[in-house]
Amino acid sequence: MRFIIRTIFPTKLGNKAVKDPNFIKNIQGFIENNKAEAAYFTELNGDRTGIFIIDMPSADMIPVIAEPFFQMGAKVEFHPVMNFEELKKGLSASQ
């Protein structure tokens, strides 16, 4: 199932995280290891935020994905999403 995963770093922890010389390497590893369809970086309510689109084969992947970000002090959110084709299929099945 496809999810949008938001990682939100409060300002102080985000400042510390980006100064770590391995930060970019760790994010790149996360993107590659989880085969992220997309990765975006922005601010959300003044905090550094990463937004990733990942296809998770099962719910037991949630701790695997979340734990590294929790260790860095981030908040992590998981939101199931569909693409347009999946939406059309779901709507046709509901009628």
PDB file of N, CA and C in Angstrom:
ATOM      1  N   MET A   1       0.850  -1.175   0.000  1.00  0.00           N
ATOM      2  CA  MET A   1       0.000   0.000   0.000  1.00  0.00           C
ATOM      3  C   MET A   1       0.897   1.240   0.000  1.00  0.00           C
ATOM      4  N   ARG A   2       0.479   2.211  -0.761  1.00  0.00           N
ATOM      5  CA  ARG A   2       1.249   3.451  -0.899  1.00  0.00           C
ATOM      6  C   ARG A   2       0.916   4.396   0.257  1.00  0.00           C
ATOM      7  N   PHE A   3       1.959   5.013   0.828  1.00  0.00           N
ATOM      8  CA  PHE A   3       1.804   5.964   1.929  1.00  0.00           C
ATOM      9  C   PHE A   3       2.567   7.241   1.644  1.00  0.00           C
ATOM     10  N   ILE A   4       2.011   8.344   2.139  1.00  0.00           N
ATOM     11  CA  ILE A   4       2.794   9.569   2.292  1.00  0.00           C
ATOM     12  C   ILE A   4       3.321   9.523   3.718  1.00  0.00           C
ATOM     13  N   ILE A   5       4.611   9.671   3.837  1.00  0.00           N
ATOM     14  CA  ILE A   5       5.247   9.689   5.153  1.00  0.00           C
ATOM     15  C   ILE A   5       5.824  11.081   5.358  1.00  0.00           C
ATOM     16  N   ARG A   6       5.397  11.723   6.440  1.00  0.00           N
ATOM     17  CA  ARG A   6       5.924  13.049   6.780  1.00  0.00           C
ATOM     18  C   ARG A   6       6.830  12.911   7.983  1.00  0.00           C
ATOM     19  N   THR A   7       8.023  13.461   7.857  1.00  0.00           N
ATOM     20  CA  THR A   7       8.965  13.520   8.972  1.00  0.00           C
ATOM     21  C   THR A   7       9.133  14.984   9.332  1.00  0.00           C
ATOM     22  N   ILE A   8       8.812  15.315  10.571  1.00  0.00           N
ATOM     23  CA  ILE A   8       8.807  16.710  10.994  1.00  0.00           C
ATOM     24  C   ILE A   8       9.834  16.883  12.105  1.00  0.00           C
ATOM     25  N   PHE A   9      10.818  17.732  11.855  1.00  0.00           N
ATOM     26  CA  PHE A   9      11.875  17.988  12.817  1.00  0.00           C
ATOM     27  C   PHE A   9      11.637  19.324  13.500  1.00  0.00           C
ATOM     28  N   PRO A  10      11.357  19.326  14.809  1.00  0.00           N
ATOM     29  CA  PRO A  10      11.277  20.600  15.522  1.00  0.00           C
ATOM     30  C   PRO A  10      12.581  21.385  15.307  1.00  0.00           C
ATOM     31  N   THR A  11      12.493  22.688  15.338  1.00  0.00           N
ATOM     32  CA  THR A  11      13.601  23.548  14.924  1.00  0.00           C
ATOM     33  C   THR A  11      14.939  23.198  15.575  1.00  0.00           C
ATOM     34  N   LYS A  12      14.999  23.080  16.892  1.00  0.00           N
ATOM     35  CA  LYS A  12      16.283  22.805  17.551  1.00  0.00           C
ATOM     36  C   LYS A  12      16.863  21.465  17.115  1.00  0.00           C
ATOM     37  N   LEU A  13      16.029  20.437  17.075  1.00  0.00           N
ATOM     38  CA  LEU A  13      16.514  19.122  16.653  1.00  0.00           C
ATOM     39  C   LEU A  13      16.862  19.115  15.175  1.00  0.00           C
ATOM     40  N   GLY A  14      16.099  19.840  14.371  1.00  0.00           N
ATOM     41  CA  GLY A  14      16.404  19.951  12.948  1.00  0.00           C
ATOM     42  C   GLY A  14      17.727  20.649  12.709  1.00  0.00           C
ATOM     43  N   ASN A  15      17.994  21.697  13.486  1.00  0.00           N
ATOM     44  CA  ASN A  15      19.281  22.397  13.376  1.00  0.00           C
ATOM     45  C   ASN A  15      20.431  21.448  13.670  1.00  0.00           C
ATOM     46  N   LYS A  16      20.259  20.638  14.695  1.00  0.00           N
ATOM     47  CA  LYS A  16      21.296  19.665  15.069  1.00  0.00           C
ATOM     48  C   LYS A  16      21.452  18.605  13.973  1.00  0.00           C
ATOM     49  N   ALA A  17      20.318  18.110  13.459  1.00  0.00           N
ATOM     50  CA  ALA A  17      20.356  17.039  12.460  1.00  0.00           C
ATOM     51  C   ALA A  17      21.082  17.465  11.192  1.00  0.00           C
ATOM     52  N   VAL A  18      20.803  18.654  10.680  1.00  0.00           N
ATOM     53  CA  VAL A  18      21.413  19.064   9.411  1.00  0.00           C
ATOM     54  C   VAL A  18      22.897  19.373   9.553  1.00  0.00           C
ATOM     55  N   LYS A  19      23.370  19.573  10.763  1.00  0.00           N
ATOM     56  CA  LYS A  19      24.807  19.793  10.973  1.00  0.00           C
ATOM     57  C   LYS A  19      25.581  18.482  11.010  1.00  0.00           C
ATOM     58  N   ASP A  20      24.877  17.368  11.174  1.00  0.00           N
ATOM     59  CA  ASP A  20      25.519  16.057  11.169  1.00  0.00           C
ATOM     60  C   ASP A  20      26.031  15.785   9.761  1.00  0.00           C
ATOM     61  N   PRO A  21      27.332  15.500   9.605  1.00  0.00           N
ATOM     62  CA  PRO A  21      27.874  15.272   8.258  1.00  0.00           C
ATOM     63  C   PRO A  21      27.238  14.077   7.537  1.00  0.00           C
ATOM     64  N   ASN A  22      26.605  13.175   8.266  1.00  0.00           N
ATOM     65  CA  ASN A  22      25.974  12.002   7.649  1.00  0.00           C
ATOM     66  C   ASN A  22      24.502  12.213   7.326  1.00  0.00           C
ATOM     67  N   PHE A  23      23.964  13.387   7.641  1.00  0.00           N
ATOM     68  CA  PHE A  23      22.528  13.613   7.474  1.00  0.00           C
ATOM     69  C   PHE A  23      22.076  13.365   6.034  1.00  0.00           C
ATOM     70  N   ILE A  24      22.715  13.988   5.071  1.00  0.00           N
ATOM     71  CA  ILE A  24      22.324  13.836   3.662  1.00  0.00           C
ATOM     72  C   ILE A  24      22.509  12.385   3.234  1.00  0.00           C
ATOM     73  N   LYS A  25      23.602  11.780   3.640  1.00  0.00           N
ATOM     74  CA  LYS A  25      23.854  10.374   3.301  1.00  0.00           C
ATOM     75  C   LYS A  25      22.760   9.474   3.883  1.00  0.00           C
ATOM     76  N   ASN A  26      22.341   9.737   5.116  1.00  0.00           N
ATOM     77  CA  ASN A  26      21.283   8.942   5.749  1.00  0.00           C
ATOM     78  C   ASN A  26      19.948   9.111   5.036  1.00  0.00           C
ATOM     79  N   ILE A  27      19.615  10.339   4.654  1.00  0.00           N
ATOM     80  CA  ILE A  27      18.369  10.586   3.928  1.00  0.00           C
ATOM     81  C   ILE A  27      18.416   9.889   2.568  1.00  0.00           C
ATOM     82  N   GLN A  28      19.543   9.998   1.889  1.00  0.00           N
ATOM     83  CA  GLN A  28      19.684   9.337   0.593  1.00  0.00           C
ATOM     84  C   GLN A  28      19.545   7.823   0.750  1.00  0.00           C
ATOM     85  N   GLY A  29      20.152   7.264   1.782  1.00  0.00           N
ATOM     86  CA  GLY A  29      20.024   5.834   2.045  1.00  0.00           C
ATOM     87  C   GLY A  29      18.585   5.437   2.307  1.00  0.00           C
ATOM     88  N   PHE A  30      17.868   6.272   3.071  1.00  0.00           N
ATOM     89  CA  PHE A  30      16.450   6.011   3.344  1.00  0.00           C
ATOM     90  C   PHE A  30      15.655   5.978   2.046  1.00  0.00           C
ATOM     91  N   ILE A  31      15.881   6.955   1.189  1.00  0.00           N
ATOM     92  CA  ILE A  31      15.158   7.043  -0.087  1.00  0.00           C
ATOM     93  C   ILE A  31      15.445   5.805  -0.941  1.00  0.00           C
ATOM     94  N   GLU A  32      16.710   5.423  -1.033  1.00  0.00           N
ATOM     95  CA  GLU A  32      17.093   4.279  -1.860  1.00  0.00           C
ATOM     96  C   GLU A  32      16.606   2.963  -1.254  1.00  0.00           C
ATOM     97  N   ASN A  33      16.799   2.766   0.039  1.00  0.00           N
ATOM     98  CA  ASN A  33      16.414   1.505   0.689  1.00  0.00           C
ATOM     99  C   ASN A  33      14.914   1.263   0.648  1.00  0.00           C
ATOM    100  N   ASN A  34      14.132   2.336   0.706  1.00  0.00           N
ATOM    101  CA  ASN A  34      12.677   2.204   0.709  1.00  0.00           C
ATOM    102  C   ASN A  34      12.059   2.462  -0.660  1.00  0.00           C
ATOM    103  N   LYS A  35      12.909   2.629  -1.664  1.00  0.00           N
ATOM    104  CA  LYS A  35      12.457   2.845  -3.039  1.00  0.00           C
ATOM    105  C   LYS A  35      11.367   3.921  -3.111  1.00  0.00           C
ATOM    106  N   ALA A  36      11.642   5.060  -2.482  1.00  0.00           N
ATOM    107  CA  ALA A  36      10.677   6.158  -2.465  1.00  0.00           C
ATOM    108  C   ALA A  36      10.354   6.592  -3.890  1.00  0.00           C
ATOM    109  N   GLU A  37       9.060   6.706  -4.177  1.00  0.00           N
ATOM    110  CA  GLU A  37       8.620   7.200  -5.484  1.00  0.00           C
ATOM    111  C   GLU A  37       8.938   8.678  -5.637  1.00  0.00           C
ATOM    112  N   ALA A  38       8.915   9.393  -4.508  1.00  0.00           N
ATOM    113  CA  ALA A  38       9.206  10.826  -4.513  1.00  0.00           C
ATOM    114  C   ALA A  38       9.666  11.225  -3.121  1.00  0.00           C
ATOM    115  N   ALA A  39      10.443  12.289  -3.063  1.00  0.00           N
ATOM    116  CA  ALA A  39      10.900  12.852  -1.791  1.00  0.00           C
ATOM    117  C   ALA A  39      10.921  14.371  -1.949  1.00  0.00           C
ATOM    118  N   TYR A  40      10.275  15.043  -1.010  1.00  0.00           N
ATOM    119  CA  TYR A  40      10.211  16.509  -1.035  1.00  0.00           C
ATOM    120  C   TYR A  40      10.588  17.034   0.339  1.00  0.00           C
ATOM    121  N   PHE A  41      11.119  18.230   0.362  1.00  0.00           N
ATOM    122  CA  PHE A  41      11.562  18.845   1.610  1.00  0.00           C
ATOM    123  C   PHE A  41      11.035  20.267   1.661  1.00  0.00           C
ATOM    124  N   THR A  42      10.438  20.613   2.805  1.00  0.00           N
ATOM    125  CA  THR A  42       9.791  21.911   2.945  1.00  0.00           C
ATOM    126  C   THR A  42       9.748  22.265   4.422  1.00  0.00           C
ATOM    127  N   GLU A  43       9.071  23.341   4.746  1.00  0.00           N
ATOM    128  CA  GLU A  43       8.796  23.654   6.148  1.00  0.00           C
ATOM    129  C   GLU A  43       7.319  23.420   6.400  1.00  0.00           C
ATOM    130  N   LEU A  44       6.988  23.030   7.609  1.00  0.00           N
ATOM    131  CA  LEU A  44       5.609  22.857   8.019  1.00  0.00           C
ATOM    132  C   LEU A  44       5.470  23.472   9.396  1.00  0.00           C
ATOM    133  N   ASN A  45       4.692  24.543   9.481  1.00  0.00           N
ATOM    134  CA  ASN A  45       4.543  25.283  10.746  1.00  0.00           C
ATOM    135  C   ASN A  45       5.890  25.697  11.333  1.00  0.00           C
ATOM    136  N   GLY A  46       6.815  26.054  10.457  1.00  0.00           N
ATOM    137  CA  GLY A  46       8.127  26.528  10.889  1.00  0.00           C
ATOM    138  C   GLY A  46       9.143  25.438  11.172  1.00  0.00           C
ATOM    139  N   ASP A  47       8.778  24.177  11.005  1.00  0.00           N
ATOM    140  CA  ASP A  47       9.701  23.067  11.251  1.00  0.00           C
ATOM    141  C   ASP A  47      10.161  22.459   9.935  1.00  0.00           C
ATOM    142  N   ARG A  48      11.380  21.914   9.939  1.00  0.00           N
ATOM    143  CA  ARG A  48      11.876  21.215   8.757  1.00  0.00           C
ATOM    144  C   ARG A  48      11.046  19.944   8.559  1.00  0.00           C
ATOM    145  N   THR A  49      10.653  19.695   7.304  1.00  0.00           N
ATOM    146  CA  THR A  49       9.779  18.564   7.024  1.00  0.00           C
ATOM    147  C   THR A  49      10.232  17.839   5.763  1.00  0.00           C
ATOM    148  N   GLY A  50      10.269  16.523   5.847  1.00  0.00           N
ATOM    149  CA  GLY A  50      10.515  15.674   4.688  1.00  0.00           C
ATOM    150  C   GLY A  50       9.227  14.934   4.371  1.00  0.00           C
ATOM    151  N   ILE A  51       8.900  14.852   3.095  1.00  0.00           N
ATOM    152  CA  ILE A  51       7.698  14.156   2.655  1.00  0.00           C
ATOM    153  C   ILE A  51       8.130  13.107   1.639  1.00  0.00           C
ATOM    154  N   PHE A  52       7.794  11.860   1.936  1.00  0.00           N
ATOM    155  CA  PHE A  52       8.216  10.745   1.098  1.00  0.00           C
ATOM    156  C   PHE A  52       6.981   9.960   0.664  1.00  0.00           C
ATOM    157  N   ILE A  53       6.992   9.474  -0.570  1.00  0.00           N
ATOM    158  CA  ILE A  53       5.940   8.580  -1.035  1.00  0.00           C
ATOM    159  C   ILE A  53       6.575   7.204  -1.199  1.00  0.00           C
ATOM    160  N   ILE A  54       6.038   6.262  -0.420  1.00  0.00           N
ATOM    161  CA  ILE A  54       6.631   4.924  -0.357  1.00  0.00           C
ATOM    162  C   ILE A  54       5.530   3.880  -0.465  1.00  0.00           C
ATOM    163  N   ASP A  55       5.807   2.817  -1.196  1.00  0.00           N
ATOM    164  CA  ASP A  55       4.894   1.683  -1.277  1.00  0.00           C
ATOM    165  C   ASP A  55       5.347   0.659  -0.235  1.00  0.00           C
ATOM    166  N   MET A  56       4.538   0.491   0.818  1.00  0.00           N
ATOM    167  CA  MET A  56       4.883  -0.450   1.892  1.00  0.00           C
ATOM    168  C   MET A  56       4.154  -1.762   1.659  1.00  0.00           C
ATOM    169  N   PRO A  57       4.895  -2.868   1.603  1.00  0.00           N
ATOM    170  CA  PRO A  57       4.245  -4.161   1.365  1.00  0.00           C
ATOM    171  C   PRO A  57       3.410  -4.635   2.551  1.00  0.00           C
ATOM    172  N   SER A  58       3.756  -4.215   3.768  1.00  0.00           N
ATOM    173  CA  SER A  58       2.997  -4.649   4.942  1.00  0.00           C
ATOM    174  C   SER A  58       3.223  -3.670   6.095  1.00  0.00           C
ATOM    175  N   ALA A  59       2.307  -3.722   7.064  1.00  0.00           N
ATOM    176  CA  ALA A  59       2.340  -2.783   8.195  1.00  0.00           C
ATOM    177  C   ALA A  59       3.566  -2.974   9.077  1.00  0.00           C
ATOM    178  N   ASP A  60       4.192  -4.141   9.038  1.00  0.00           N
ATOM    179  CA  ASP A  60       5.371  -4.344   9.884  1.00  0.00           C
ATOM    180  C   ASP A  60       6.562  -3.494   9.444  1.00  0.00           C
ATOM    181  N   MET A  61       6.427  -2.798   8.324  1.00  0.00           N
ATOM    182  CA  MET A  61       7.473  -1.884   7.867  1.00  0.00           C
ATOM    183  C   MET A  61       7.412  -0.543   8.583  1.00  0.00           C
ATOM    184  N   ILE A  62       6.300  -0.242   9.254  1.00  0.00           N
ATOM    185  CA  ILE A  62       6.157   1.058   9.914  1.00  0.00           C
ATOM    186  C   ILE A  62       7.288   1.308  10.914  1.00  0.00           C
ATOM    187  N   PRO A  63       7.601   0.378  11.833  1.00  0.00           N
ATOM    188  CA  PRO A  63       8.707   0.649  12.751  1.00  0.00           C
ATOM    189  C   PRO A  63      10.055   0.778  12.046  1.00  0.00           C
ATOM    190  N   VAL A  64      10.263  -0.014  11.003  1.00  0.00           N
ATOM    191  CA  VAL A  64      11.523   0.049  10.257  1.00  0.00           C
ATOM    192  C   VAL A  64      11.717   1.438   9.651  1.00  0.00           C
ATOM    193  N   ILE A  65      10.639   1.983   9.122  1.00  0.00           N
ATOM    194  CA  ILE A  65      10.701   3.298   8.488  1.00  0.00           C
ATOM    195  C   ILE A  65      10.774   4.410   9.528  1.00  0.00           C
ATOM    196  N   ALA A  66       9.969   4.315  10.579  1.00  0.00           N
ATOM    197  CA  ALA A  66       9.859   5.406  11.546  1.00  0.00           C
ATOM    198  C   ALA A  66      11.033   5.513  12.504  1.00  0.00           C
ATOM    199  N   GLU A  67      11.567   4.390  12.945  1.00  0.00           N
ATOM    200  CA  GLU A  67      12.547   4.404  14.036  1.00  0.00           C
ATOM    201  C   GLU A  67      13.770   5.284  13.784  1.00  0.00           C
ATOM    202  N   PRO A  68      14.393   5.235  12.600  1.00  0.00           N
ATOM    203  CA  PRO A  68      15.555   6.120  12.397  1.00  0.00           C
ATOM    204  C   PRO A  68      15.208   7.604  12.572  1.00  0.00           C
ATOM    205  N   PHE A  69      14.007   7.989  12.141  1.00  0.00           N
ATOM    206  CA  PHE A  69      13.598   9.380  12.297  1.00  0.00           C
ATOM    207  C   PHE A  69      13.273   9.703  13.756  1.00  0.00           C
ATOM    208  N   PHE A  70      12.639   8.757  14.463  1.00  0.00           N
ATOM    209  CA  PHE A  70      12.398   8.955  15.898  1.00  0.00           C
ATOM    210  C   PHE A  70      13.728   9.159  16.633  1.00  0.00           C
ATOM    211  N   GLN A  71      14.745   8.381  16.256  1.00  0.00           N
ATOM    212  CA  GLN A  71      16.056   8.494  16.900  1.00  0.00           C
ATOM    213  C   GLN A  71      16.685   9.873  16.678  1.00  0.00           C
ATOM    214  N   MET A  72      16.299  10.529  15.586  1.00  0.00           N
ATOM    215  CA  MET A  72      16.798  11.882  15.315  1.00  0.00           C
ATOM    216  C   MET A  72      15.906  12.952  15.930  1.00  0.00           C
ATOM    217  N   GLY A  73      14.827  12.541  16.611  1.00  0.00           N
ATOM    218  CA  GLY A  73      13.942  13.493  17.269  1.00  0.00           C
ATOM    219  C   GLY A  73      12.775  13.980  16.432  1.00  0.00           C
ATOM    220  N   ALA A  74      12.545  13.352  15.294  1.00  0.00           N
ATOM    221  CA  ALA A  74      11.462  13.793  14.408  1.00  0.00           C
ATOM    222  C   ALA A  74      10.124  13.191  14.827  1.00  0.00           C
ATOM    223  N   LYS A  75       9.060  13.888  14.454  1.00  0.00           N
ATOM    224  CA  LYS A  75       7.719  13.329  14.500  1.00  0.00           C
ATOM    225  C   LYS A  75       7.525  12.643  13.150  1.00  0.00           C
ATOM    226  N   VAL A  76       6.824  11.503  13.141  1.00  0.00           N
ATOM    227  CA  VAL A  76       6.627  10.762  11.900  1.00  0.00           C
ATOM    228  C   VAL A  76       5.143  10.468  11.742  1.00  0.00           C
ATOM    229  N   GLU A  77       4.619  10.753  10.560  1.00  0.00           N
ATOM    230  CA  GLU A  77       3.206  10.509  10.257  1.00  0.00           C
ATOM    231  C   GLU A  77       3.107   9.624   9.020  1.00  0.00           C
ATOM    232  N   PHE A  78       2.132   8.713   9.032  1.00  0.00           N
ATOM    233  CA  PHE A  78       1.859   7.824   7.906  1.00  0.00           C
ATOM    234  C   PHE A  78       0.437   8.076   7.418  1.00  0.00           C
ATOM    235  N   HIS A  79       0.287   8.340   6.125  1.00  0.00           N
ATOM    236  CA  HIS A  79      -1.021   8.606   5.533  1.00  0.00           C
ATOM    237  C   HIS A  79      -1.186   7.734   4.294  1.00  0.00           C
ATOM    238  N   PRO A  80      -2.138   6.773   4.315  1.00  0.00           N
ATOM    239  CA  PRO A  80      -2.353   5.966   3.108  1.00  0.00           C
ATOM    240  C   PRO A  80      -2.909   6.834   1.983  1.00  0.00           C
ATOM    241  N   VAL A  81      -2.439   6.581   0.764  1.00  0.00           N
ATOM    242  CA  VAL A  81      -2.876   7.355  -0.397  1.00  0.00           C
ATOM    243  C   VAL A  81      -3.100   6.433  -1.595  1.00  0.00           C
ATOM    244  N   MET A  82      -3.803   6.960  -2.606  1.00  0.00           N
ATOM    245  CA  MET A  82      -4.032   6.238  -3.852  1.00  0.00           C
ATOM    246  C   MET A  82      -3.666   7.140  -5.022  1.00  0.00           C
ATOM    247  N   ASN A  83      -3.301   6.503  -6.110  1.00  0.00           N
ATOM    248  CA  ASN A  83      -3.146   7.278  -7.334  1.00  0.00           C
ATOM    249  C   ASN A  83      -4.505   7.337  -8.033  1.00  0.00           C
ATOM    250  N   PHE A  84      -4.570   8.018  -9.158  1.00  0.00           N
ATOM    251  CA  PHE A  84      -5.846   8.226  -9.834  1.00  0.00           C
ATOM    252  C   PHE A  84      -6.476   6.909 -10.294  1.00  0.00           C
ATOM    253  N   GLU A  85      -5.664   5.998 -10.806  1.00  0.00           N
ATOM    254  CA  GLU A  85      -6.186   4.707 -11.256  1.00  0.00           C
ATOM    255  C   GLU A  85      -6.802   3.939 -10.091  1.00  0.00           C
ATOM    256  N   GLU A  86      -6.168   3.957  -8.937  1.00  0.00           N
ATOM    257  CA  GLU A  86      -6.700   3.276  -7.759  1.00  0.00           C
ATOM    258  C   GLU A  86      -7.995   3.933  -7.285  1.00  0.00           C
ATOM    259  N   LEU A  87      -8.055   5.250  -7.359  1.00  0.00           N
ATOM    260  CA  LEU A  87      -9.282   5.961  -6.999  1.00  0.00           C
ATOM    261  C   LEU A  87     -10.443   5.541  -7.908  1.00  0.00           C
ATOM    262  N   LYS A  88     -10.194   5.506  -9.218  1.00  0.00           N
ATOM    263  CA  LYS A  88     -11.239   5.097 -10.157  1.00  0.00           C
ATOM    264  C   LYS A  88     -11.708   3.669  -9.866  1.00  0.00           C
ATOM    265  N   LYS A  89     -10.778   2.777  -9.621  1.00  0.00           N
ATOM    266  CA  LYS A  89     -11.128   1.383  -9.308  1.00  0.00           C
ATOM    267  C   LYS A  89     -11.956   1.297  -8.034  1.00  0.00           C
ATOM    268  N   GLY A  90     -11.546   2.010  -7.009  1.00  0.00           N
ATOM    269  CA  GLY A  90     -12.267   2.002  -5.736  1.00  0.00           C
ATOM    270  C   GLY A  90     -13.661   2.582  -5.868  1.00  0.00           C
ATOM    271  N   LEU A  91     -13.786   3.672  -6.598  1.00  0.00           N
ATOM    272  CA  LEU A  91     -15.105   4.290  -6.776  1.00  0.00           C
ATOM    273  C   LEU A  91     -16.041   3.395  -7.582  1.00  0.00           C
ATOM    274  N   SER A  92     -15.510   2.741  -8.613  1.00  0.00           N
ATOM    275  CA  SER A  92     -16.371   1.873  -9.410  1.00  0.00           C
ATOM    276  C   SER A  92     -16.823   0.660  -8.593  1.00  0.00           C
ATOM    277  N   ALA A  93     -15.991   0.172  -7.708  1.00  0.00           N
ATOM    278  CA  ALA A  93     -16.345  -0.966  -6.865  1.00  0.00           C
ATOM    279  C   ALA A  93     -17.361  -0.578  -5.781  1.00  0.00           C
ATOM    280  N   SER A  94     -17.430   0.693  -5.444  1.00  0.00           N
ATOM    281  CA  SER A  94     -18.329   1.118  -4.369  1.00  0.00           C
ATOM    282  C   SER A  94     -19.742   1.398  -4.855  1.00  0.00           C
ATOM    283  N   GLN A  95     -19.956   1.333  -6.156  1.00  0.00           N
ATOM    284  CA  GLN A  95     -21.297   1.653  -6.702  1.00  0.00           C
ATOM    285  C   GLN A  95     -22.087   0.422  -7.030  1.00  0.00           C
TER     286      GLN A  95
END
